[in-house]
Amino acid sequence: MTKHQCLDHGEVAFCDGCLADSLHHEISQLKAQLNNMEACYIEKKKEAEDRLNQTKDVCGRYDRLYEEYRLLELLVGNYRVLAQEVLPRCSRELLENIEGWEKALRGEP
């Protein structure tokens, strides 16, 4: 960029051609800066979306694990009931049946 002396005012100024070149250069730099900012924005947005998707995956896995835990709790509760209430009754009935079979095998009424 060449500076020229203004003949009327004696000041240093750009001639029209140099001023246009200077403005085109500045516009090019601003466009490049804008493109870099846009690329950076797209990259950061993608990173944020990736983090969000990872968070959703973790939350989804947590929800599934929690549901499995609740189902296991229900199963354990059902087995407790089975062990405390049903099995002893079945055991008594089974023992009575075995005793009845033994009597029948011995020929007792």
C-alpha atoms as a PDB file:
ATOM      1  CA  MET A   1       0.000   0.000   0.000  1.00  0.00           C
ATOM      2  CA  THR A   2       1.557   3.254  -1.073  1.00  0.00           C
ATOM      3  CA  LYS A   3       0.879   6.485   0.759  1.00  0.00           C
ATOM      4  CA  HIS A   4       0.771   9.727  -1.182  1.00  0.00           C
ATOM      5  CA  GLN A   5       0.960  13.344  -0.179  1.00  0.00           C
ATOM      6  CA  CYS A   6      -2.218  15.282  -0.789  1.00  0.00           C
ATOM      7  CA  LEU A   7      -1.319  18.160  -3.087  1.00  0.00           C
ATOM      8  CA  ASP A   8      -4.079  20.385  -1.717  1.00  0.00           C
ATOM      9  CA  HIS A   9      -3.557  19.864   1.995  1.00  0.00           C
ATOM     10  CA  GLY A  10      -0.051  18.539   2.263  1.00  0.00           C
ATOM     11  CA  GLU A  11      -1.315  15.579   4.344  1.00  0.00           C
ATOM     12  CA  VAL A  12      -0.441  11.986   3.790  1.00  0.00           C
ATOM     13  CA  ALA A  13      -3.419  10.182   2.319  1.00  0.00           C
ATOM     14  CA  PHE A  14      -4.255   7.195   0.175  1.00  0.00           C
ATOM     15  CA  CYS A  15      -5.022   7.720  -3.446  1.00  0.00           C
ATOM     16  CA  ASP A  16      -8.307   6.239  -4.685  1.00  0.00           C
ATOM     17  CA  GLY A  17      -6.650   3.112  -6.063  1.00  0.00           C
ATOM     18  CA  CYS A  18      -4.669   2.460  -2.895  1.00  0.00           C
ATOM     19  CA  LEU A  19      -7.730   3.142  -0.727  1.00  0.00           C
ATOM     20  CA  ALA A  20      -9.771   0.638  -2.739  1.00  0.00           C
ATOM     21  CA  ASP A  21      -6.961  -1.938  -2.441  1.00  0.00           C
ATOM     22  CA  SER A  22      -6.755  -1.276   1.287  1.00  0.00           C
ATOM     23  CA  LEU A  23     -10.523  -1.709   1.708  1.00  0.00           C
ATOM     24  CA  HIS A  24     -10.526  -4.901  -0.369  1.00  0.00           C
ATOM     25  CA  HIS A  25      -7.681  -6.236   1.751  1.00  0.00           C
ATOM     26  CA  GLU A  26      -9.521  -5.346   4.969  1.00  0.00           C
ATOM     27  CA  ILE A  27     -12.729  -6.911   3.646  1.00  0.00           C
ATOM     28  CA  SER A  28     -10.790 -10.080   2.751  1.00  0.00           C
ATOM     29  CA  GLN A  29      -9.302 -10.208   6.236  1.00  0.00           C
ATOM     30  CA  LEU A  30     -12.724  -9.708   7.836  1.00  0.00           C
ATOM     31  CA  LYS A  31     -14.207 -12.435   5.617  1.00  0.00           C
ATOM     32  CA  ALA A  32     -11.395 -14.801   6.628  1.00  0.00           C
ATOM     33  CA  GLN A  33     -11.939 -13.910  10.278  1.00  0.00           C
ATOM     34  CA  LEU A  34     -15.676 -14.502   9.899  1.00  0.00           C
ATOM     35  CA  ASN A  35     -15.037 -17.877   8.241  1.00  0.00           C
ATOM     36  CA  ASN A  36     -12.693 -18.845  11.076  1.00  0.00           C
ATOM     37  CA  MET A  37     -15.283 -17.783  13.640  1.00  0.00           C
ATOM     38  CA  GLU A  38     -17.969 -19.758  11.820  1.00  0.00           C
ATOM     39  CA  ALA A  39     -15.728 -22.860  11.663  1.00  0.00           C
ATOM     40  CA  CYS A  40     -14.974 -22.459  15.368  1.00  0.00           C
ATOM     41  CA  TYR A  41     -18.695 -22.069  16.134  1.00  0.00           C
ATOM     42  CA  ILE A  42     -19.533 -25.212  14.136  1.00  0.00           C
ATOM     43  CA  GLU A  43     -16.783 -27.158  15.924  1.00  0.00           C
ATOM     44  CA  LYS A  44     -17.930 -25.964  19.369  1.00  0.00           C
ATOM     45  CA  LYS A  45     -21.562 -26.698  18.498  1.00  0.00           C
ATOM     46  CA  LYS A  46     -20.601 -30.236  17.416  1.00  0.00           C
ATOM     47  CA  GLU A  47     -18.638 -30.727  20.653  1.00  0.00           C
ATOM     48  CA  ALA A  48     -21.632 -29.516  22.671  1.00  0.00           C
ATOM     49  CA  GLU A  49     -23.979 -31.838  20.742  1.00  0.00           C
ATOM     50  CA  ASP A  50     -21.574 -34.748  21.319  1.00  0.00           C
ATOM     51  CA  ARG A  51     -21.500 -33.983  25.054  1.00  0.00           C
ATOM     52  CA  LEU A  52     -25.281 -33.737  25.103  1.00  0.00           C
ATOM     53  CA  ASN A  53     -25.603 -37.078  23.309  1.00  0.00           C
ATOM     54  CA  GLN A  54     -23.126 -38.660  25.728  1.00  0.00           C
ATOM     55  CA  THR A  55     -25.127 -37.258  28.624  1.00  0.00           C
ATOM     56  CA  LYS A  56     -28.327 -38.628  27.106  1.00  0.00           C
ATOM     57  CA  ASP A  57     -26.641 -42.026  26.676  1.00  0.00           C
ATOM     58  CA  VAL A  58     -25.468 -42.009  30.290  1.00  0.00           C
ATOM     59  CA  CYS A  59     -28.908 -40.937  31.482  1.00  0.00           C
ATOM     60  CA  GLY A  60     -30.531 -43.610  29.337  1.00  0.00           C
ATOM     61  CA  ARG A  61     -28.205 -46.264  30.754  1.00  0.00           C
ATOM     62  CA  TYR A  62     -28.895 -44.978  34.267  1.00  0.00           C
ATOM     63  CA  ASP A  63     -32.649 -45.150  33.654  1.00  0.00           C
ATOM     64  CA  ARG A  64     -32.349 -48.718  32.346  1.00  0.00           C
ATOM     65  CA  LEU A  65     -30.163 -49.732  35.291  1.00  0.00           C
ATOM     66  CA  TYR A  66     -32.608 -48.154  37.722  1.00  0.00           C
ATOM     67  CA  GLU A  67     -35.505 -50.034  36.121  1.00  0.00           C
ATOM     68  CA  GLU A  68     -33.532 -53.280  36.328  1.00  0.00           C
ATOM     69  CA  TYR A  69     -32.762 -52.529  39.965  1.00  0.00           C
ATOM     70  CA  ARG A  70     -36.451 -51.931  40.713  1.00  0.00           C
ATOM     71  CA  LEU A  71     -37.367 -55.201  38.976  1.00  0.00           C
ATOM     72  CA  LEU A  72     -34.719 -57.033  40.981  1.00  0.00           C
ATOM     73  CA  GLU A  73     -36.090 -55.503  44.168  1.00  0.00           C
ATOM     74  CA  LEU A  74     -39.540 -56.777  43.223  1.00  0.00           C
ATOM     75  CA  LEU A  75     -38.153 -60.229  42.452  1.00  0.00           C
ATOM     76  CA  VAL A  76     -36.274 -60.357  45.743  1.00  0.00           C
ATOM     77  CA  GLY A  77     -39.430 -59.252  47.538  1.00  0.00           C
ATOM     78  CA  ASN A  78     -41.413 -61.968  45.766  1.00  0.00           C
ATOM     79  CA  TYR A  79     -38.811 -64.580  46.679  1.00  0.00           C
ATOM     80  CA  ARG A  80     -38.939 -63.433  50.295  1.00  0.00           C
ATOM     81  CA  VAL A  81     -42.694 -63.893  50.299  1.00  0.00           C
ATOM     82  CA  LEU A  82     -42.275 -67.241  48.581  1.00  0.00           C
ATOM     83  CA  ALA A  83     -39.635 -68.330  51.090  1.00  0.00           C
ATOM     84  CA  GLN A  84     -41.543 -67.102  54.144  1.00  0.00           C
ATOM     85  CA  GLU A  85     -45.113 -67.993  53.245  1.00  0.00           C
ATOM     86  CA  VAL A  86     -45.479 -70.331  50.314  1.00  0.00           C
ATOM     87  CA  LEU A  87     -42.540 -72.718  50.737  1.00  0.00           C
ATOM     88  CA  PRO A  88     -43.306 -73.659  54.357  1.00  0.00           C
ATOM     89  CA  ARG A  89     -46.924 -74.368  53.426  1.00  0.00           C
ATOM     90  CA  CYS A  90     -45.796 -76.399  50.414  1.00  0.00           C
ATOM     91  CA  SER A  91     -43.234 -78.164  52.575  1.00  0.00           C
ATOM     92  CA  ARG A  92     -45.933 -79.111  55.102  1.00  0.00           C
ATOM     93  CA  GLU A  93     -48.193 -80.351  52.323  1.00  0.00           C
ATOM     94  CA  LEU A  94     -45.325 -82.263  50.722  1.00  0.00           C
ATOM     95  CA  LEU A  95     -44.406 -83.842  54.066  1.00  0.00           C
ATOM     96  CA  GLU A  96     -48.064 -84.796  54.643  1.00  0.00           C
ATOM     97  CA  ASN A  97     -48.194 -86.316  51.151  1.00  0.00           C
ATOM     98  CA  ILE A  98     -44.957 -88.210  51.752  1.00  0.00           C
ATOM     99  CA  GLU A  99     -46.294 -89.488  55.054  1.00  0.00           C
ATOM    100  CA  GLY A 100     -49.503 -90.500  53.271  1.00  0.00           C
ATOM    101  CA  TRP A 101     -47.550 -92.331  50.599  1.00  0.00           C
ATOM    102  CA  GLU A 102     -45.436 -94.080  53.195  1.00  0.00           C
ATOM    103  CA  LYS A 103     -48.607 -95.212  55.016  1.00  0.00           C
ATOM    104  CA  ALA A 104     -50.074 -96.379  51.731  1.00  0.00           C
ATOM    105  CA  LEU A 105     -46.905 -98.295  50.944  1.00  0.00           C
ATOM    106  CA  ARG A 106     -47.031 -99.947  54.361  1.00  0.00           C
ATOM    107  CA  GLY A 107     -50.696-100.720  53.767  1.00  0.00           C
ATOM    108  CA  GLU A 108     -51.978 -98.394  56.482  1.00  0.00           C
ATOM    109  CA  PRO A 109     -55.235 -96.485  55.927  1.00  0.00           C
END
